[in-house]
């Protein structure tokens, strides 16, 4: 039964696209203030957007490290941290920690980069601030993904 339903939905969407129409999607509830918050500078086109959703410090550190390297190559890079990724940025770290996300983020910032974080995700974690991050909403994540030349997820 599941396969038949899935196939029917996919065929309906494909037919609508082929026929030039748009399949109807379920309506979303009205967006919250967090979701419509927007601070991303749309006058700049990022060469690379890096989206971090992993709470693993090594993964987040390597993602930001790639951003630093790309900056050194002359690329305009933006980072967006969402979901569990915020945990890697909120974690208290010792100065000698091998994968110090805060220290790598500081280097990214010093090179002119901006790290955005999801306002709804921060609120869900009981905070309004995330170290090294500018709080913004899903509208900015959409703009960043739509406008960037390349998008990488970690």
N, C-alpha and C. Protein backbone atom coordinates (compact mmCIF):
# COMPACT_ATOMS: atom_id res chain seq x y z
N UNK A 1 0.82 -1.20 0.00
CA UNK A 1 0.00 0.00 0.00
C UNK A 1 0.86 1.26 0.00
N UNK A 2 1.93 1.27 0.79
CA UNK A 2 2.82 2.43 0.86
C UNK A 2 3.46 2.73 -0.48
N UNK A 3 3.92 1.67 -1.19
CA UNK A 3 4.57 1.87 -2.48
C UNK A 3 3.59 2.43 -3.50
N UNK A 4 2.36 1.97 -3.46
CA UNK A 4 1.35 2.47 -4.40
C UNK A 4 1.08 3.94 -4.13
N UNK A 5 0.92 4.31 -2.86
CA UNK A 5 0.65 5.71 -2.51
C UNK A 5 1.82 6.59 -2.93
N UNK A 6 3.04 6.16 -2.60
CA UNK A 6 4.23 6.95 -2.95
C UNK A 6 4.34 7.11 -4.46
N UNK A 7 4.12 6.06 -5.20
CA UNK A 7 4.18 6.12 -6.66
C UNK A 7 3.12 7.06 -7.20
N UNK A 8 1.91 6.99 -6.65
CA UNK A 8 0.83 7.87 -7.09
C UNK A 8 1.18 9.33 -6.84
N UNK A 9 1.73 9.65 -5.68
CA UNK A 9 2.10 11.03 -5.36
C UNK A 9 3.19 11.50 -6.30
N UNK A 10 4.22 10.67 -6.52
CA UNK A 10 5.30 11.05 -7.42
C UNK A 10 4.81 11.26 -8.84
N UNK A 11 3.94 10.38 -9.31
CA UNK A 11 3.40 10.54 -10.66
C UNK A 11 2.54 11.79 -10.77
N UNK A 12 1.77 12.10 -9.75
CA UNK A 12 0.95 13.31 -9.75
C UNK A 12 1.83 14.55 -9.83
N UNK A 13 2.90 14.57 -9.05
CA UNK A 13 3.82 15.71 -9.08
C UNK A 13 4.51 15.81 -10.43
N UNK A 14 4.97 14.68 -10.96
CA UNK A 14 5.64 14.67 -12.26
C UNK A 14 4.69 15.14 -13.36
N UNK A 15 3.45 14.65 -13.35
CA UNK A 15 2.48 15.06 -14.36
C UNK A 15 2.18 16.55 -14.27
N UNK A 16 2.03 17.05 -13.07
CA UNK A 16 1.76 18.48 -12.89
C UNK A 16 2.92 19.31 -13.42
N UNK A 17 4.14 18.87 -13.16
CA UNK A 17 5.31 19.59 -13.65
C UNK A 17 5.37 19.53 -15.18
N UNK A 18 5.08 18.35 -15.75
CA UNK A 18 5.10 18.17 -17.19
C UNK A 18 4.02 19.02 -17.85
N UNK A 19 2.86 19.10 -17.22
CA UNK A 19 1.74 19.85 -17.78
C UNK A 19 1.88 21.35 -17.56
N UNK A 20 2.97 21.77 -16.91
CA UNK A 20 3.19 23.19 -16.70
C UNK A 20 2.54 23.73 -15.44
N UNK A 21 1.89 22.88 -14.70
CA UNK A 21 1.26 23.32 -13.46
C UNK A 21 2.14 23.06 -12.27
N UNK A 22 1.72 23.53 -11.14
CA UNK A 22 2.45 23.27 -9.91
C UNK A 22 1.59 22.41 -9.02
N UNK A 23 2.17 21.35 -8.47
CA UNK A 23 1.38 20.53 -7.55
C UNK A 23 1.06 21.34 -6.30
N UNK A 24 -0.10 21.12 -5.74
CA UNK A 24 -0.44 21.87 -4.53
C UNK A 24 0.24 21.22 -3.34
N UNK A 25 0.80 22.05 -2.51
CA UNK A 25 1.49 21.59 -1.31
C UNK A 25 0.65 21.94 -0.10
N UNK A 26 0.79 21.19 0.98
CA UNK A 26 0.02 21.53 2.17
C UNK A 26 0.38 22.92 2.67
N UNK A 27 -0.61 23.63 3.15
CA UNK A 27 -0.39 24.98 3.67
C UNK A 27 0.38 24.92 4.98
N UNK A 28 1.29 25.87 5.17
CA UNK A 28 2.04 25.98 6.41
C UNK A 28 1.34 26.99 7.30
N UNK A 29 1.54 26.86 8.59
CA UNK A 29 0.97 27.85 9.50
C UNK A 29 1.69 29.17 9.29
N UNK A 30 1.13 30.24 9.79
CA UNK A 30 1.73 31.57 9.65
C UNK A 30 3.14 31.54 10.25
N UNK A 31 4.11 32.17 9.55
CA UNK A 31 5.48 32.14 10.05
C UNK A 31 5.63 32.96 11.34
N UNK A 32 6.48 32.46 12.22
CA UNK A 32 6.75 33.19 13.46
C UNK A 32 7.71 34.33 13.17
N UNK A 33 7.87 35.22 14.15
CA UNK A 33 8.79 36.33 14.00
C UNK A 33 10.21 35.82 13.76
N UNK A 34 10.56 34.70 14.39
CA UNK A 34 11.89 34.10 14.20
C UNK A 34 12.11 33.70 12.75
N UNK A 35 11.07 33.16 12.12
CA UNK A 35 11.21 32.67 10.75
C UNK A 35 11.34 33.78 9.73
N UNK A 36 10.78 34.93 10.01
CA UNK A 36 10.83 36.03 9.03
C UNK A 36 11.98 36.99 9.29
N UNK A 37 12.71 36.80 10.38
CA UNK A 37 13.86 37.64 10.70
C UNK A 37 14.86 37.54 9.56
N UNK A 38 15.36 38.68 9.06
CA UNK A 38 16.29 38.66 7.93
C UNK A 38 17.37 39.73 8.10
N UNK A 39 18.63 39.31 8.06
CA UNK A 39 19.75 40.24 8.16
C UNK A 39 20.80 39.99 7.07
N UNK A 40 20.64 38.93 6.28
CA UNK A 40 21.59 38.59 5.22
C UNK A 40 21.62 39.68 4.17
N UNK A 41 22.84 40.11 3.78
CA UNK A 41 23.02 41.16 2.78
C UNK A 41 22.81 40.55 1.39
N UNK A 42 21.65 40.79 0.81
CA UNK A 42 21.31 40.20 -0.49
C UNK A 42 22.01 40.89 -1.66
N UNK A 43 22.77 41.95 -1.39
CA UNK A 43 23.50 42.62 -2.48
C UNK A 43 24.79 41.88 -2.82
N UNK A 44 25.18 40.93 -1.97
CA UNK A 44 26.38 40.13 -2.22
C UNK A 44 25.98 38.71 -2.58
N UNK A 45 26.69 38.12 -3.52
CA UNK A 45 26.44 36.74 -3.91
C UNK A 45 27.55 35.86 -3.35
N UNK A 46 27.24 35.01 -2.40
CA UNK A 46 28.28 34.13 -1.85
C UNK A 46 28.78 33.14 -2.91
N UNK A 47 30.10 32.96 -2.92
CA UNK A 47 30.67 31.92 -3.77
C UNK A 47 30.33 30.56 -3.18
N UNK A 48 30.40 30.48 -1.84
CA UNK A 48 30.13 29.23 -1.15
C UNK A 48 29.28 29.51 0.09
N UNK A 49 28.23 28.72 0.26
CA UNK A 49 27.45 28.73 1.51
C UNK A 49 27.71 27.41 2.20
N UNK A 50 28.03 27.48 3.48
CA UNK A 50 28.27 26.28 4.27
C UNK A 50 27.17 26.19 5.32
N UNK A 51 26.43 25.09 5.31
CA UNK A 51 25.35 24.88 6.27
C UNK A 51 25.79 23.78 7.22
N UNK A 52 25.78 24.10 8.50
CA UNK A 52 26.22 23.14 9.52
C UNK A 52 25.02 22.71 10.35
N UNK A 53 24.74 21.40 10.34
CA UNK A 53 23.65 20.86 11.16
C UNK A 53 24.14 19.78 12.12
N UNK A 54 25.43 19.50 12.09
CA UNK A 54 26.00 18.47 12.96
C UNK A 54 26.47 19.09 14.28
N UNK A 55 26.23 18.38 15.38
CA UNK A 55 26.70 18.86 16.69
C UNK A 55 28.09 18.34 17.01
N UNK A 56 28.69 17.60 16.09
CA UNK A 56 30.04 17.08 16.29
C UNK A 56 31.06 18.20 16.12
N UNK A 57 31.87 18.44 17.15
CA UNK A 57 32.84 19.54 17.14
C UNK A 57 33.82 19.42 15.98
N UNK A 58 34.30 18.22 15.71
CA UNK A 58 35.26 18.04 14.62
C UNK A 58 34.64 18.38 13.27
N UNK A 59 33.39 17.99 13.06
CA UNK A 59 32.70 18.28 11.80
C UNK A 59 32.48 19.78 11.64
N UNK A 60 31.99 20.44 12.69
CA UNK A 60 31.77 21.89 12.63
C UNK A 60 33.09 22.63 12.42
N UNK A 61 34.14 22.19 13.12
CA UNK A 61 35.45 22.81 13.00
C UNK A 61 35.97 22.70 11.57
N UNK A 62 35.85 21.51 10.97
CA UNK A 62 36.30 21.32 9.60
C UNK A 62 35.48 22.13 8.60
N UNK A 63 34.19 22.26 8.85
CA UNK A 63 33.34 23.07 7.96
C UNK A 63 33.79 24.53 7.97
N UNK A 64 34.02 25.07 9.17
CA UNK A 64 34.47 26.46 9.27
C UNK A 64 35.89 26.59 8.73
N UNK A 65 36.72 25.59 8.96
CA UNK A 65 38.10 25.60 8.44
C UNK A 65 38.09 25.66 6.92
N UNK A 66 37.18 24.92 6.28
CA UNK A 66 37.03 25.00 4.83
C UNK A 66 36.64 26.42 4.42
N UNK A 67 35.75 27.03 5.20
CA UNK A 67 35.36 28.41 4.93
C UNK A 67 36.55 29.36 5.00
N UNK A 68 37.40 29.18 5.99
CA UNK A 68 38.61 30.01 6.14
C UNK A 68 39.52 29.82 4.93
N UNK A 69 39.71 28.57 4.53
CA UNK A 69 40.57 28.29 3.38
C UNK A 69 40.00 28.94 2.12
N UNK A 70 38.69 28.81 1.91
CA UNK A 70 38.05 29.41 0.74
C UNK A 70 38.21 30.93 0.75
N UNK A 71 38.10 31.54 1.93
CA UNK A 71 38.31 32.99 2.04
C UNK A 71 39.73 33.34 1.58
N UNK A 72 40.69 32.54 2.01
CA UNK A 72 42.09 32.78 1.64
C UNK A 72 42.31 32.64 0.14
N UNK A 73 41.42 31.93 -0.55
CA UNK A 73 41.49 31.79 -2.01
C UNK A 73 40.74 32.91 -2.72
N UNK A 74 40.14 33.84 -1.94
CA UNK A 74 39.42 34.97 -2.52
C UNK A 74 37.92 34.79 -2.63
N UNK A 75 37.38 33.72 -2.07
CA UNK A 75 35.93 33.48 -2.15
C UNK A 75 35.18 34.21 -1.04
N UNK A 76 33.96 34.63 -1.37
CA UNK A 76 33.04 35.17 -0.37
C UNK A 76 32.24 34.00 0.17
N UNK A 77 32.36 33.74 1.47
CA UNK A 77 31.77 32.57 2.09
C UNK A 77 30.84 33.00 3.23
N UNK A 78 29.67 32.36 3.31
CA UNK A 78 28.79 32.54 4.46
C UNK A 78 28.51 31.17 5.08
N UNK A 79 28.32 31.17 6.38
CA UNK A 79 28.02 29.94 7.12
C UNK A 79 26.67 30.12 7.79
N UNK A 80 25.84 29.09 7.73
CA UNK A 80 24.56 29.09 8.44
C UNK A 80 24.53 27.85 9.32
N UNK A 81 24.28 28.07 10.62
CA UNK A 81 24.25 26.98 11.59
C UNK A 81 22.79 26.74 11.99
N UNK A 82 22.36 25.49 11.90
CA UNK A 82 20.96 25.18 12.16
C UNK A 82 20.85 23.89 12.97
N UNK A 83 19.73 23.74 13.65
CA UNK A 83 19.44 22.51 14.39
C UNK A 83 20.53 22.16 15.39
N UNK A 84 20.92 20.88 15.38
CA UNK A 84 21.93 20.41 16.32
C UNK A 84 23.28 21.09 16.12
N UNK A 85 23.49 21.69 14.96
CA UNK A 85 24.74 22.40 14.71
C UNK A 85 25.00 23.49 15.74
N UNK A 86 23.92 24.11 16.25
CA UNK A 86 24.09 25.15 17.27
C UNK A 86 24.79 24.61 18.51
N UNK A 87 24.55 23.34 18.82
CA UNK A 87 25.17 22.75 20.01
C UNK A 87 26.70 22.78 19.93
N UNK A 88 27.24 22.58 18.73
CA UNK A 88 28.70 22.63 18.56
C UNK A 88 29.24 24.03 18.80
N UNK A 89 28.43 25.05 18.53
CA UNK A 89 28.85 26.44 18.71
C UNK A 89 28.58 26.93 20.13
N UNK A 90 27.65 26.29 20.83
CA UNK A 90 27.30 26.71 22.19
C UNK A 90 28.12 26.00 23.26
N UNK A 91 28.75 24.91 22.89
CA UNK A 91 29.52 24.09 23.83
C UNK A 91 30.71 24.88 24.38
N UNK A 92 30.92 24.80 25.69
CA UNK A 92 32.09 25.41 26.31
C UNK A 92 33.32 24.61 25.91
N UNK A 93 34.35 25.30 25.44
CA UNK A 93 35.55 24.61 24.96
C UNK A 93 36.78 25.14 25.66
N UNK A 94 37.73 24.27 25.90
CA UNK A 94 39.00 24.70 26.49
C UNK A 94 39.89 25.24 25.38
N UNK A 95 40.79 26.15 25.74
CA UNK A 95 41.66 26.79 24.75
C UNK A 95 42.54 25.79 24.02
N UNK A 96 42.87 24.68 24.68
CA UNK A 96 43.75 23.70 24.06
C UNK A 96 43.00 22.55 23.38
N UNK A 97 41.69 22.67 23.28
CA UNK A 97 40.89 21.62 22.63
C UNK A 97 41.28 21.53 21.15
N UNK A 98 41.46 20.31 20.66
CA UNK A 98 41.94 20.09 19.30
C UNK A 98 41.00 20.69 18.25
N UNK A 99 39.70 20.47 18.39
CA UNK A 99 38.74 20.96 17.40
C UNK A 99 37.95 22.11 18.02
N UNK A 100 38.62 23.22 18.26
CA UNK A 100 38.03 24.37 18.92
C UNK A 100 37.24 25.20 17.91
N UNK A 101 35.92 25.02 17.91
CA UNK A 101 35.03 25.69 16.96
C UNK A 101 35.07 27.20 17.18
N UNK A 102 35.11 27.63 18.42
CA UNK A 102 35.12 29.07 18.71
C UNK A 102 36.37 29.74 18.12
N UNK A 103 37.52 29.13 18.28
CA UNK A 103 38.76 29.72 17.76
C UNK A 103 38.74 29.75 16.23
N UNK A 104 38.27 28.67 15.59
CA UNK A 104 38.20 28.65 14.13
C UNK A 104 37.18 29.67 13.62
N UNK A 105 36.08 29.82 14.35
CA UNK A 105 35.06 30.81 13.98
C UNK A 105 35.62 32.23 14.07
N UNK A 106 36.44 32.46 15.07
CA UNK A 106 37.07 33.79 15.23
C UNK A 106 37.97 34.11 14.03
N UNK A 107 38.67 33.11 13.54
CA UNK A 107 39.51 33.30 12.35
C UNK A 107 38.64 33.61 11.14
N UNK A 108 37.53 32.89 11.00
CA UNK A 108 36.59 33.13 9.89
C UNK A 108 36.05 34.55 9.96
N UNK A 109 35.67 34.99 11.15
CA UNK A 109 35.16 36.35 11.34
C UNK A 109 36.23 37.39 11.03
N UNK A 110 37.45 37.15 11.50
CA UNK A 110 38.56 38.09 11.28
C UNK A 110 38.84 38.27 9.79
N UNK A 111 38.54 37.24 8.99
CA UNK A 111 38.72 37.32 7.54
C UNK A 111 37.52 37.96 6.84
N UNK A 112 36.55 38.46 7.61
CA UNK A 112 35.40 39.14 7.03
C UNK A 112 34.17 38.27 6.82
N UNK A 113 34.20 37.05 7.33
CA UNK A 113 33.06 36.15 7.16
C UNK A 113 31.96 36.40 8.17
N UNK A 114 30.78 35.91 7.85
CA UNK A 114 29.65 36.00 8.77
C UNK A 114 29.09 34.60 8.98
N UNK A 115 28.82 34.30 10.25
CA UNK A 115 28.19 33.03 10.60
C UNK A 115 26.80 33.36 11.12
N UNK A 116 25.79 32.83 10.44
CA UNK A 116 24.41 33.03 10.84
C UNK A 116 23.93 31.80 11.60
N UNK A 117 23.00 32.00 12.52
CA UNK A 117 22.39 30.85 13.18
C UNK A 117 20.88 31.03 13.22
N UNK A 118 20.20 29.92 13.23
CA UNK A 118 18.75 29.85 13.19
C UNK A 118 18.14 30.36 14.50
N UNK A 119 17.30 31.37 14.41
CA UNK A 119 16.66 31.95 15.59
C UNK A 119 15.74 30.94 16.28
N UNK A 120 14.96 30.20 15.50
CA UNK A 120 14.05 29.21 16.09
C UNK A 120 14.83 28.12 16.80
N UNK A 121 15.97 27.73 16.23
CA UNK A 121 16.81 26.68 16.85
C UNK A 121 17.42 27.19 18.15
N UNK A 122 17.82 28.46 18.17
CA UNK A 122 18.38 29.05 19.40
C UNK A 122 17.30 29.14 20.47
N UNK A 123 16.11 29.56 20.07
CA UNK A 123 15.00 29.67 21.00
C UNK A 123 14.66 28.30 21.59
N UNK A 124 14.69 27.27 20.75
CA UNK A 124 14.41 25.91 21.22
C UNK A 124 15.44 25.44 22.25
N UNK A 125 16.62 26.05 22.21
CA UNK A 125 17.68 25.69 23.16
C UNK A 125 17.73 26.66 24.34
N UNK A 126 16.73 27.55 24.43
CA UNK A 126 16.62 28.45 25.56
C UNK A 126 17.62 29.59 25.56
N UNK A 127 18.06 30.01 24.38
CA UNK A 127 19.02 31.11 24.31
C UNK A 127 18.65 32.07 23.19
N UNK A 128 19.14 33.28 23.31
CA UNK A 128 18.97 34.26 22.24
C UNK A 128 20.31 34.62 21.63
N UNK A 129 21.38 34.00 22.13
CA UNK A 129 22.72 34.26 21.60
C UNK A 129 23.46 32.94 21.39
N UNK A 130 24.24 32.90 20.34
CA UNK A 130 25.09 31.77 20.05
C UNK A 130 26.45 32.34 19.70
N UNK A 131 27.51 31.90 20.40
CA UNK A 131 28.83 32.49 20.21
C UNK A 131 29.24 32.50 18.74
N UNK A 132 29.79 33.61 18.32
CA UNK A 132 30.30 33.81 16.96
C UNK A 132 29.23 33.87 15.88
N UNK A 133 27.95 33.87 16.25
CA UNK A 133 26.88 33.81 15.25
C UNK A 133 25.97 35.03 15.30
N UNK A 134 25.46 35.39 14.13
CA UNK A 134 24.42 36.40 14.01
C UNK A 134 23.10 35.64 13.91
N UNK A 135 22.18 35.91 14.83
CA UNK A 135 20.90 35.21 14.84
C UNK A 135 20.01 35.74 13.71
N UNK A 136 19.42 34.81 12.98
CA UNK A 136 18.53 35.19 11.89
C UNK A 136 17.50 34.07 11.67
N UNK A 137 16.71 34.18 10.63
CA UNK A 137 15.61 33.23 10.44
C UNK A 137 15.72 32.39 9.19
N UNK A 138 14.71 31.58 9.01
CA UNK A 138 14.63 30.66 7.88
C UNK A 138 14.57 31.42 6.55
N UNK A 139 14.04 32.63 6.57
CA UNK A 139 13.99 33.45 5.35
C UNK A 139 15.40 33.73 4.84
N UNK A 140 16.34 33.98 5.77
CA UNK A 140 17.72 34.20 5.35
C UNK A 140 18.38 32.92 4.85
N UNK A 141 18.09 31.80 5.50
CA UNK A 141 18.64 30.53 5.01
C UNK A 141 18.17 30.31 3.57
N UNK A 142 16.91 30.57 3.31
CA UNK A 142 16.38 30.43 1.95
C UNK A 142 17.14 31.34 0.98
N UNK A 143 17.33 32.60 1.36
CA UNK A 143 18.03 33.55 0.49
C UNK A 143 19.48 33.11 0.24
N UNK A 144 20.13 32.63 1.29
CA UNK A 144 21.52 32.19 1.17
C UNK A 144 21.62 31.01 0.20
N UNK A 145 20.74 30.02 0.36
CA UNK A 145 20.76 28.85 -0.51
C UNK A 145 20.44 29.25 -1.95
N UNK A 146 19.44 30.07 -2.13
CA UNK A 146 19.00 30.46 -3.47
C UNK A 146 20.06 31.30 -4.19
N UNK A 147 20.78 32.13 -3.45
CA UNK A 147 21.69 33.09 -4.07
C UNK A 147 23.13 32.58 -4.22
N UNK A 148 23.53 31.61 -3.44
CA UNK A 148 24.91 31.15 -3.45
C UNK A 148 25.24 30.34 -4.70
N UNK A 149 26.50 30.44 -5.12
CA UNK A 149 26.95 29.69 -6.29
C UNK A 149 27.06 28.19 -5.96
N UNK A 150 27.50 27.89 -4.74
CA UNK A 150 27.63 26.50 -4.28
C UNK A 150 27.16 26.42 -2.84
N UNK A 151 26.52 25.32 -2.50
CA UNK A 151 26.05 25.09 -1.13
C UNK A 151 26.59 23.76 -0.64
N UNK A 152 27.23 23.78 0.52
CA UNK A 152 27.78 22.57 1.13
C UNK A 152 27.11 22.37 2.47
N UNK A 153 26.82 21.13 2.82
CA UNK A 153 26.21 20.85 4.12
C UNK A 153 27.11 19.91 4.91
N UNK A 154 27.18 20.17 6.19
CA UNK A 154 27.98 19.36 7.11
C UNK A 154 27.10 18.96 8.28
